[in-house]
Structure formats: structure tokens, C-alpha cells
Amino acid sequence: MSQKTRPLFLQTNLLSMLLVGIVSIVLFCIWSCGDNKIEIKCEQLKLNEVEKPLLRVYVENSGSMDGFMCDGSELKDAIYGYISRLSSFSDSTELNYINSQIIPYKKELRTFIRDLTPISFHSAGGNTGSSDIADMFDKILSDTDDNIVSVFVSDCILDIPGGDASNFFVNRQIDIQNAFIKQLNKCKDLSVEILRLESSFNGWYYYAYGREFLKDVKRPYYMWVIGNKNHLSRLNKNVPLSDMQHGVKNYFAYSTPSEIPFEITNKSGIKNGNTSICNLDSDGKYRFLIKTNMSVTLQDEQTICNVGNYGKLNSFVNIERIDRISAKESFYTHLLTVAIDRESVNSVGEKLSLVSFEKPDWLENANDDSGREVTMNMDKTTGIKYIVQGVADAYKSNKELAEIKFVISKK
């Protein structure tokens, strides 16, 4: 090769290498731009405004409740404070005693609380010596519809006839299940919140064949809030259960499945209408944010914020964390951070769902099966497990409480 042709050959080779490099860079950019983005698309849920409900209050006035009517009773404080505030967000409030029958109370709430005494209890009427909890639930539920919220206050003690608990407890459980199923067939959004509270007790505690006087002790009682879940959600927002006077010892709720309000953005909080474009992070995952309103599920914070309580359709989609949105003006209650693995991602529909639970974890410790030796079981309630299980059985077909649907597309 001559000296003159060698530089031309080298220049040609350099030019070819340069062109190959440029093409490679262009192809890499095209490849990386397409592979490093995904699109998340969803539909906005339209919400219907709910009108103020009618509030109906039922306080059991059987003899077993007498001891809660002592001076300084936390039960009286809790009822007065809670119902007073609920009334502000209700169309009207009706007050009732309940035992073998519903006994309307025609005076105002302040007088109702003042009249919560053993004497007024027994003079109100009905059978105060013996009451059937399943029958009371049936009466209350029959008078509860989509525009009515019912609050039921009771010690929820199952009085064991003859001390034979086995058949009696199971029968009451079935009766309560049937009462709730009957009303669920009429009101598909019927839901119930169970509040376990505690109050001073000074009075007689009744057994199947006797009684025992208890002085200056604390005993559990229960408040049941029953109605359309949209009403309960709205009331909880305006009258938080955390503000209940003397506090709530335990809480659990049963509700029906809901498509909840939510919006999706990329991790920078950016979206375009109902679509969000998410870039690949350095760890090989796409991340995006879901702002949700979980209030209609009626679940407590511990349940909502536990990522293990959520189901999904695709294995490559993972909820990394759930945070409470603290801003009071926010319509949304919780923020979900969701991650998708790049290696497995497909264009596919996804549904995240908050699963339901059969019964509360505190129930076993709150229950007493014997109906005897109250001083050894001061913080327990005879048969409460079977009452709650009856409600659980009525809701057992509701496997999910909330669902969030969206579509993932590779760009």
C-alpha cells in the first residue's frame, strides 16, 4: 500500500466507526426512552352527595344495665357527647329505650341523659328483667334503612338460661346472622361499627340463678353504629371516634365492597388528566402514587396502613408503603406508594383491593363463656364472641372492602 492511500484508508475506517457509534447511540436512546417509561391510566369515580340521615338512638334498659347508671358514669358522658355531636350532622334525632320492645323517649337529649337512672329505666316500660339481644338487633335493623343511622348501646351480655351455654350461644349467633342478612338484602350498603368501651359500674350484676353487688369497678359495654356506609363515613369524618369521651378500647367494622375515590400521579405528583407517565428509577423499578379516600371502608388506621392487608392481580405490582394524609383540607385520606418491577412489567389491567377480616383480634380476650365469677372476668362479656360472629357470618361473602382499578401500559 502506498504512503498516499494509507491516510485515506484510515480516514475511511474512522468515519465508519464514527457512524456505527452514532447509530448505536441513537438506537440506545430510542430503546431506553421506550423501555424506561410506563403509563398508568385510570377512570375517576363520580361521587354522589348524601343527605343528612335521621339518627335513631337505642339504649338498652334491662336490669343488667342498672350499674352503669351511677353518678360519674363514663357511659353517660360518652353517650351525651357523641350523640350531641352526631345530631349536629343529622337531619333529626330520635331517642329510645329498648328491651323486649322499643320505647320512644319524647324529651330532649339532655333530659334523656339525666333520666338514665335505674328508677327511670324500670318505669319506662317493657320487660327490664330479661331481654333477648338477637330480638333487639332484629327490631333495630328493621327500622334502619339507607337514610337512617342507628346507635345501639348495650352491655351485650348473653344471659345463659340454666347455665347451659352450648346451644344457647349458637342459636343467638344464628338469630343475629339472620337479622343482618335480612336487612342486607334490603340495604346493600348496610354497615356496622362495633365500639367496645368501658365505664364505672356500681350495682347488681345478674347471673342465671343469682346476683352479685359490684362497687366502684369498671365494666365493658358496647356501642353499635349501624347504617349506610356512606353516612357512617361522613359522620366519622365530622365526629371522629378518636374524640369519644374516655376513649374507645377496641373497634371493628363490617362493611360491603366499594370502588373508592382515588387519583394516580407519578412519584413527582404529576399527571395529565387520568394518565400518569412514570420513569424508571435507578433500582430498576417504576414508582407512582395513589391518593385514596379510604373512609368508606370504615376500617381503622392499623388495618388500612398494613400493606399485607391488600390483594393484587399481578405479581410484579407491589405496594411499598401506605401513609395517612394529615392535611385537614384534603379530600383524600391515604397515600399509597406503588412499585413495579421493570423486568416483569406487562401491559395489563390491575386491581388493588383491601381485603376484609372475619373478626377482630381482640374478641377472644373480651369473651367469657361461663357466665359465672364476674370478679374473675371483670373486663369480659359473656357471649360477646357469638354476637360478633353472628354479624361476621352475615358479611362473610364480602371478601374485599375496597378496590382500586387501573391499566398499566409499556411505552
Protein backbone atom coordinates (compact mmCIF):
# COMPACT_ATOMS: atom_id res chain seq x y z
CA MET A 1 0.00 0.00 0.00
CA SER A 2 1.37 3.36 -0.97
CA GLN A 3 2.00 6.12 1.52
CA LYS A 4 -0.72 8.23 -0.18
CA THR A 5 -3.52 5.67 0.12
CA ARG A 6 -2.85 4.76 3.81
CA PRO A 7 -4.23 8.03 5.32
CA LEU A 8 -7.34 7.74 3.13
CA PHE A 9 -7.88 4.17 4.36
CA LEU A 10 -7.50 5.24 7.97
CA GLN A 11 -9.91 8.13 7.48
CA THR A 12 -12.48 5.79 5.92
CA ASN A 13 -12.19 3.40 8.88
CA LEU A 14 -12.52 6.21 11.39
CA LEU A 15 -15.59 7.53 9.58
CA SER A 16 -17.18 4.07 9.58
CA MET A 17 -16.52 3.63 13.30
CA LEU A 18 -17.95 7.07 13.98
CA LEU A 19 -21.11 6.26 12.01
CA VAL A 20 -21.52 2.95 13.85
CA GLY A 21 -21.11 4.76 17.16
CA ILE A 22 -23.68 7.40 16.25
CA VAL A 23 -26.17 4.76 15.12
CA SER A 24 -25.61 2.80 18.33
CA ILE A 25 -26.20 5.89 20.46
CA VAL A 26 -29.39 6.74 18.56
CA LEU A 27 -30.67 3.18 18.87
CA PHE A 28 -29.80 3.13 22.57
CA CYS A 29 -31.67 6.39 23.13
CA ILE A 30 -34.71 5.10 21.27
CA TRP A 31 -34.59 1.84 23.20
CA SER A 32 -34.03 3.44 26.59
CA CYS A 33 -36.68 6.11 26.12
CA GLY A 34 -39.24 3.47 25.25
CA ASP A 35 -38.25 0.97 27.92
CA ASN A 36 -37.75 3.43 30.74
CA LYS A 37 -41.31 4.70 30.87
CA ILE A 38 -44.69 3.22 31.63
CA GLU A 39 -48.16 4.73 31.52
CA ILE A 40 -50.75 4.34 34.28
CA LYS A 41 -54.32 5.13 33.34
CA CYS A 42 -57.48 5.11 35.47
CA GLU A 43 -61.04 6.37 35.49
CA GLN A 44 -62.25 8.91 38.02
CA LEU A 45 -65.07 7.78 40.27
CA LYS A 46 -68.03 10.13 40.39
CA LEU A 47 -69.36 10.65 43.88
CA ASN A 48 -72.96 11.26 44.84
CA GLU A 49 -73.69 13.63 47.69
CA VAL A 50 -75.56 12.06 50.60
CA GLU A 51 -78.21 13.93 52.54
CA LYS A 52 -78.18 14.15 56.31
CA PRO A 53 -79.59 10.94 57.83
CA LEU A 54 -82.18 10.51 60.53
CA LEU A 55 -80.40 9.44 63.75
CA ARG A 56 -82.08 6.87 65.99
CA VAL A 57 -80.59 6.08 69.39
CA TYR A 58 -81.43 2.97 71.41
CA VAL A 59 -80.21 2.45 74.98
CA GLU A 60 -80.93 -0.96 76.47
CA ASN A 61 -82.74 -0.50 79.79
CA SER A 62 -82.72 -4.06 81.12
CA GLY A 63 -81.66 -4.69 84.72
CA SER A 64 -78.09 -5.63 83.77
CA MET A 65 -77.52 -2.02 82.69
CA ASP A 66 -78.53 -0.51 86.06
CA GLY A 67 -74.99 -0.45 87.41
CA PHE A 68 -73.83 1.80 84.58
CA MET A 69 -76.33 4.48 85.62
CA CYS A 70 -74.32 5.51 88.70
CA ASP A 71 -73.06 9.05 89.31
CA GLY A 72 -69.93 9.86 87.28
CA SER A 73 -70.65 7.12 84.77
CA GLU A 74 -68.36 7.33 81.73
CA LEU A 75 -71.16 5.71 79.73
CA LYS A 76 -73.39 8.74 80.28
CA ASP A 77 -70.57 11.11 79.27
CA ALA A 78 -69.82 9.13 76.12
CA ILE A 79 -73.46 8.90 75.01
CA TYR A 80 -74.17 12.55 75.69
CA GLY A 81 -71.02 13.84 73.97
CA TYR A 82 -71.15 11.52 70.98
CA ILE A 83 -74.88 11.77 70.26
CA SER A 84 -74.80 15.54 70.73
CA ARG A 85 -72.17 15.88 68.03
CA LEU A 86 -73.79 13.34 65.71
CA SER A 87 -77.04 15.27 65.99
CA SER A 88 -75.32 18.32 64.50
CA PHE A 89 -74.74 16.36 61.28
CA SER A 90 -78.11 14.57 61.22
CA ASP A 91 -81.49 15.66 59.95
CA SER A 92 -83.13 14.88 63.30
CA THR A 93 -82.57 12.65 66.33
CA GLU A 94 -84.94 10.15 67.90
CA LEU A 95 -84.23 8.72 71.37
CA ASN A 96 -85.41 5.32 72.57
CA TYR A 97 -85.09 2.78 75.33
CA ILE A 98 -85.12 -0.84 74.23
CA ASN A 99 -85.63 -4.21 75.90
CA SER A 100 -88.47 -6.51 74.90
CA GLN A 101 -89.85 -3.55 72.97
CA ILE A 102 -88.79 -0.16 71.64
CA ILE A 103 -89.86 2.64 73.98
CA PRO A 104 -89.68 6.14 72.43
CA TYR A 105 -88.40 8.97 74.63
CA LYS A 106 -90.06 12.25 73.67
CA LYS A 107 -87.92 14.76 75.57
CA GLU A 108 -84.57 16.31 74.60
CA LEU A 109 -81.17 14.62 74.77
CA ARG A 110 -80.03 16.50 77.89
CA THR A 111 -83.06 15.22 79.79
CA PHE A 112 -82.58 11.74 78.33
CA ILE A 113 -79.08 11.55 79.81
CA ARG A 114 -80.26 12.95 83.14
CA ASP A 115 -83.00 10.31 83.20
CA LEU A 116 -80.56 7.45 82.72
CA THR A 117 -81.16 6.01 86.20
CA PRO A 118 -82.32 2.57 87.38
CA ILE A 119 -85.63 4.10 88.53
CA SER A 120 -86.39 5.76 85.19
CA PHE A 121 -85.21 2.62 83.37
CA HIS A 122 -87.75 0.42 85.09
CA SER A 123 -90.57 2.96 84.91
CA ALA A 124 -90.12 3.40 81.14
CA GLY A 125 -91.76 0.07 80.40
CA GLY A 126 -91.09 -3.21 78.67
CA ASN A 127 -89.55 -6.30 80.21
CA THR A 128 -86.47 -4.99 82.02
CA GLY A 129 -85.91 -8.28 83.83
CA SER A 130 -84.98 -10.24 80.72
CA SER A 131 -84.07 -9.17 77.20
CA ASP A 132 -83.04 -11.04 74.06
CA ILE A 133 -80.10 -9.39 72.28
CA ALA A 134 -80.96 -11.04 68.95
CA ASP A 135 -84.54 -9.78 69.18
CA MET A 136 -83.27 -6.24 69.93
CA PHE A 137 -80.99 -6.33 66.89
CA ASP A 138 -83.87 -7.53 64.74
CA LYS A 139 -86.07 -4.63 65.89
CA ILE A 140 -83.33 -2.05 65.38
CA LEU A 141 -82.32 -3.36 61.95
CA SER A 142 -85.92 -3.48 60.77
CA ASP A 143 -86.14 0.26 61.47
CA THR A 144 -82.79 1.07 59.79
CA ASP A 145 -82.66 1.91 56.09
CA ASP A 146 -80.43 3.88 53.70
CA ASN A 147 -81.49 7.20 55.24
CA ILE A 148 -81.35 6.15 58.90
CA VAL A 149 -78.34 5.65 61.18
CA SER A 150 -79.00 3.68 64.36
CA VAL A 151 -76.86 3.79 67.51
CA PHE A 152 -77.40 0.93 69.96
CA VAL A 153 -75.90 0.99 73.48
CA SER A 154 -75.84 -2.24 75.49
CA ASP A 155 -73.64 -4.35 77.75
CA CYS A 156 -74.33 -7.19 75.26
CA ILE A 157 -74.34 -9.86 77.96
CA LEU A 158 -75.93 -13.14 76.90
CA ASP A 159 -77.82 -14.36 79.94
CA ILE A 160 -77.39 -18.16 79.90
CA PRO A 161 -80.65 -19.96 80.79
CA GLY A 162 -79.86 -22.64 83.33
CA GLY A 163 -76.16 -22.13 82.78
CA ASP A 164 -76.25 -24.27 79.60
CA ALA A 165 -74.27 -22.21 77.13
CA SER A 166 -73.58 -24.52 74.18
CA ASN A 167 -76.87 -24.49 72.26
CA PHE A 168 -77.97 -21.09 73.55
CA PHE A 169 -74.90 -19.23 72.28
CA VAL A 170 -75.03 -20.87 68.85
CA ASN A 171 -78.75 -20.17 68.46
CA ARG A 172 -78.28 -16.49 69.32
CA GLN A 173 -75.42 -16.33 66.83
CA ILE A 174 -77.66 -17.70 64.07
CA ASP A 175 -80.52 -15.36 65.03
CA ILE A 176 -78.21 -12.33 64.77
CA GLN A 177 -76.80 -13.55 61.47
CA ASN A 178 -80.32 -13.90 60.07
CA ALA A 179 -81.33 -10.42 61.27
CA PHE A 180 -78.39 -8.80 59.49
CA ILE A 181 -78.79 -10.87 56.31
CA LYS A 182 -82.46 -9.93 56.10
CA GLN A 183 -81.61 -6.22 56.23
CA LEU A 184 -78.59 -6.55 53.92
CA ASN A 185 -80.96 -7.93 51.30
CA LYS A 186 -82.90 -4.67 51.56
CA CYS A 187 -79.99 -2.26 52.02
CA LYS A 188 -76.90 -3.41 50.10
CA ASP A 189 -74.64 -0.79 51.71
CA LEU A 190 -75.67 -1.57 55.29
CA SER A 191 -72.59 -1.49 57.52
CA VAL A 192 -71.90 -1.70 61.23
CA GLU A 193 -69.24 -0.29 63.56
CA ILE A 194 -68.63 -2.02 66.89
CA LEU A 195 -67.14 0.09 69.68
CA ARG A 196 -66.01 -1.62 72.87
CA LEU A 197 -65.93 0.91 75.70
CA GLU A 198 -65.54 0.89 79.48
CA SER A 199 -67.42 2.63 82.29
CA SER A 200 -67.77 2.79 86.04
CA PHE A 201 -70.23 0.25 87.42
CA ASN A 202 -71.96 0.33 90.80
CA GLY A 203 -74.82 -2.06 91.15
CA TRP A 204 -76.08 -5.60 90.84
CA TYR A 205 -74.58 -8.00 88.34
CA TYR A 206 -77.09 -10.71 87.42
CA TYR A 207 -76.37 -14.38 86.86
CA ALA A 208 -78.78 -17.06 85.66
CA TYR A 209 -79.60 -18.04 89.26
CA GLY A 210 -78.47 -15.14 91.39
CA ARG A 211 -76.77 -11.80 91.54
CA GLU A 212 -73.68 -10.09 92.98
CA PHE A 213 -73.23 -6.47 94.02
CA LEU A 214 -70.26 -4.75 92.39
CA LYS A 215 -68.94 -1.49 93.80
CA ASP A 216 -66.56 1.01 92.17
CA VAL A 217 -65.47 -1.30 89.35
CA LYS A 218 -65.03 -0.86 85.62
CA ARG A 219 -67.10 -2.94 83.20
CA PRO A 220 -67.17 -3.12 79.38
CA TYR A 221 -70.14 -2.03 77.31
CA TYR A 222 -70.71 -1.64 73.59
CA MET A 223 -71.92 0.96 71.14
CA TRP A 224 -73.10 -0.25 67.72
CA VAL A 225 -73.40 2.28 64.89
CA ILE A 226 -75.44 0.83 62.03
CA GLY A 227 -76.41 2.35 58.68
CA ASN A 228 -75.42 3.05 55.09
CA LYS A 229 -71.61 3.12 54.88
CA ASN A 230 -71.67 6.49 53.12
CA HIS A 231 -73.50 8.04 56.07
CA LEU A 232 -71.18 6.37 58.58
CA SER A 233 -68.14 7.57 56.64
CA ARG A 234 -69.39 11.14 56.61
CA LEU A 235 -70.26 11.05 60.33
CA ASN A 236 -66.83 9.62 61.18
CA LYS A 237 -65.17 12.49 59.33
CA ASN A 238 -67.17 15.12 61.20
CA VAL A 239 -67.29 13.31 64.53
CA PRO A 240 -64.09 11.22 64.78
CA LEU A 241 -64.38 8.19 67.03
CA SER A 242 -60.95 9.10 68.39
CA ASP A 243 -62.61 12.10 70.05
CA MET A 244 -65.02 9.92 72.03
CA GLN A 245 -65.01 10.95 75.70
CA HIS A 246 -63.00 8.49 77.84
CA GLY A 247 -61.78 6.78 74.66
CA VAL A 248 -62.63 3.64 72.73
CA LYS A 249 -60.93 0.47 74.00
CA ASN A 250 -61.47 -1.56 70.82
CA TYR A 251 -63.04 -1.09 67.42
CA PHE A 252 -64.11 -3.21 64.48
CA ALA A 253 -66.34 -2.65 61.45
CA TYR A 254 -68.16 -4.75 58.88
CA SER A 255 -68.93 -3.20 55.51
CA THR A 256 -69.66 -4.07 51.89
CA PRO A 257 -67.30 -3.76 48.87
CA SER A 258 -66.71 -0.29 47.39
CA GLU A 259 -64.95 1.33 44.47
CA ILE A 260 -63.25 4.11 46.35
CA PRO A 261 -62.29 7.60 45.12
CA PHE A 262 -58.63 7.87 44.10
CA GLU A 263 -56.21 9.59 41.74
CA ILE A 264 -52.84 8.45 40.41
CA THR A 265 -49.72 10.54 39.77
CA ASN A 266 -46.09 9.73 39.11
CA LYS A 267 -43.77 9.97 42.10
CA SER A 268 -43.29 13.69 41.43
CA GLY A 269 -47.03 14.26 41.79
CA ILE A 270 -47.56 14.90 38.07
CA LYS A 271 -50.39 13.57 35.91
CA ASN A 272 -52.18 14.53 32.70
CA GLY A 273 -55.89 14.05 33.18
CA ASN A 274 -56.33 10.42 34.17
CA THR A 275 -52.93 9.39 32.81
CA SER A 276 -49.52 9.34 34.51
CA ILE A 277 -46.15 8.72 32.88
CA CYS A 278 -43.64 7.06 35.21
CA ASN A 279 -39.88 6.95 34.66
CA LEU A 280 -37.59 4.13 35.65
CA ASP A 281 -35.75 4.57 38.96
CA SER A 282 -32.10 3.63 39.42
CA ASP A 283 -33.04 0.41 41.23
CA GLY A 284 -34.94 -0.92 38.21
CA LYS A 285 -38.45 -0.11 39.44
CA TYR A 286 -41.18 2.24 38.27
CA ARG A 287 -42.94 4.07 41.09
CA PHE A 288 -46.18 6.00 41.27
CA LEU A 289 -48.51 7.40 43.93
CA ILE A 290 -52.18 6.68 44.59
CA LYS A 291 -54.13 9.17 46.70
CA THR A 292 -57.22 7.44 48.05
CA ASN A 293 -60.22 8.14 50.23
CA MET A 294 -60.50 5.04 52.42
CA SER A 295 -63.12 6.41 54.80
CA VAL A 296 -66.00 4.42 53.29
CA THR A 297 -64.26 1.16 54.27
CA LEU A 298 -64.80 2.14 57.95
CA GLN A 299 -61.53 0.42 58.88
CA ASP A 300 -59.08 1.69 61.49
CA GLU A 301 -55.63 3.09 60.72
CA GLN A 302 -53.77 -0.08 61.63
CA THR A 303 -55.81 -2.08 59.13
CA ILE A 304 -55.63 0.45 56.29
CA CYS A 305 -51.88 1.15 56.61
CA ASN A 306 -50.80 -2.51 56.69
CA VAL A 307 -49.64 -3.39 53.17
CA GLY A 308 -50.17 -7.06 53.98
CA ASN A 309 -53.92 -6.46 54.02
CA TYR A 310 -54.08 -5.77 50.28
CA GLY A 311 -54.61 -8.11 47.36
CA LYS A 312 -53.43 -7.61 43.75
CA LEU A 313 -53.79 -9.26 40.35
CA ASN A 314 -50.17 -9.11 39.12
CA SER A 315 -47.08 -10.30 40.98
CA PHE A 316 -44.86 -7.52 39.61
CA VAL A 317 -47.02 -4.83 41.27
CA ASN A 318 -46.20 -4.10 44.93
CA ILE A 319 -47.47 -1.60 47.48
CA GLU A 320 -44.33 -0.38 49.23
CA ARG A 321 -45.93 1.81 51.89
CA ILE A 322 -49.17 3.49 52.95
CA ASP A 323 -49.24 6.83 54.76
CA ARG A 324 -52.02 8.80 56.36
CA ILE A 325 -52.62 12.18 54.69
CA SER A 326 -52.59 14.61 57.57
CA ALA A 327 -53.75 17.77 55.75
CA LYS A 328 -57.22 18.52 57.12
CA GLU A 329 -58.39 20.14 53.89
CA SER A 330 -57.51 17.07 51.81
CA PHE A 331 -60.35 15.08 50.30
CA TYR A 332 -58.08 12.02 50.29
CA THR A 333 -57.18 10.12 53.44
CA HIS A 334 -54.21 7.92 52.48
CA LEU A 335 -51.25 7.83 50.11
CA LEU A 336 -50.08 4.54 48.59
CA THR A 337 -46.60 4.24 47.09
CA VAL A 338 -46.65 1.53 44.44
CA ALA A 339 -43.63 -0.04 42.70
CA ILE A 340 -43.48 -2.14 39.51
CA ASP A 341 -40.52 -4.36 38.55
CA ARG A 342 -39.11 -3.44 35.14
CA GLU A 343 -38.07 -6.99 34.34
CA SER A 344 -41.60 -8.37 34.66
CA VAL A 345 -43.85 -5.47 33.68
CA ASN A 346 -46.56 -6.10 31.07
CA SER A 347 -49.37 -4.05 29.60
CA VAL A 348 -52.22 -5.24 31.77
CA GLY A 349 -55.14 -4.27 33.96
CA GLU A 350 -54.61 -4.19 37.73
CA LYS A 351 -56.83 -4.12 40.79
CA LEU A 352 -55.56 -3.43 44.30
CA SER A 353 -58.03 -4.45 46.98
CA LEU A 354 -58.28 -4.05 50.75
CA VAL A 355 -59.32 -7.47 51.97
CA SER A 356 -61.89 -7.97 54.72
CA PHE A 357 -61.35 -9.73 58.04
CA GLU A 358 -63.73 -12.18 59.66
CA LYS A 359 -63.48 -10.93 63.22
CA PRO A 360 -61.42 -8.64 65.46
CA ASP A 361 -58.25 -9.91 67.11
CA TRP A 362 -59.43 -8.59 70.50
CA LEU A 363 -62.62 -10.66 70.50
CA GLU A 364 -61.35 -13.83 72.20
CA ASN A 365 -59.86 -11.91 75.13
CA ALA A 366 -63.07 -9.90 75.53
CA ASN A 367 -65.27 -13.01 75.69
CA ASP A 368 -66.43 -15.15 78.61
CA ASP A 369 -68.23 -18.44 78.02
CA SER A 370 -69.05 -19.35 81.61
CA GLY A 371 -71.44 -16.60 82.71
CA ARG A 372 -70.05 -17.02 86.24
CA GLU A 373 -67.43 -15.46 88.53
CA VAL A 374 -67.72 -11.91 87.27
CA THR A 375 -64.98 -10.74 89.67
CA MET A 376 -62.56 -13.05 87.83
CA ASN A 377 -63.76 -11.78 84.45
CA MET A 378 -64.32 -8.10 85.12
CA ASP A 379 -63.17 -6.97 81.67
CA LYS A 380 -65.02 -9.71 79.80
CA THR A 381 -68.53 -10.01 78.36
CA THR A 382 -70.45 -13.26 78.46
CA GLY A 383 -71.15 -14.42 74.91
CA ILE A 384 -69.88 -11.34 73.01
CA LYS A 385 -67.89 -13.65 70.72
CA TYR A 386 -71.08 -15.25 69.45
CA ILE A 387 -72.85 -11.94 68.92
CA VAL A 388 -69.99 -10.60 66.79
CA GLN A 389 -69.62 -13.94 65.00
CA GLY A 390 -73.27 -13.74 64.00
CA VAL A 391 -72.57 -10.39 62.34
CA ALA A 392 -69.39 -11.79 60.75
CA ASP A 393 -71.35 -14.68 59.26
CA ALA A 394 -73.79 -12.24 57.66
CA TYR A 395 -70.89 -10.40 55.95
CA LYS A 396 -68.69 -13.41 55.14
CA SER A 397 -69.34 -13.24 51.38
CA ASN A 398 -67.74 -9.77 51.27
CA LYS A 399 -64.12 -10.71 50.66
CA GLU A 400 -62.98 -7.20 49.69
CA LEU A 401 -63.78 -3.83 51.23
CA ALA A 402 -62.25 -1.52 48.61
CA GLU A 403 -60.88 -1.77 45.11
CA ILE A 404 -58.60 0.48 43.05
CA LYS A 405 -58.55 -0.30 39.31
CA PHE A 406 -56.06 0.98 36.73
CA VAL A 407 -54.30 -0.05 33.50
CA ILE A 408 -50.52 -0.38 33.07
CA SER A 409 -49.08 0.20 29.57
CA LYS A 410 -45.47 -0.14 28.42
CA LYS A 411 -44.30 2.87 26.42
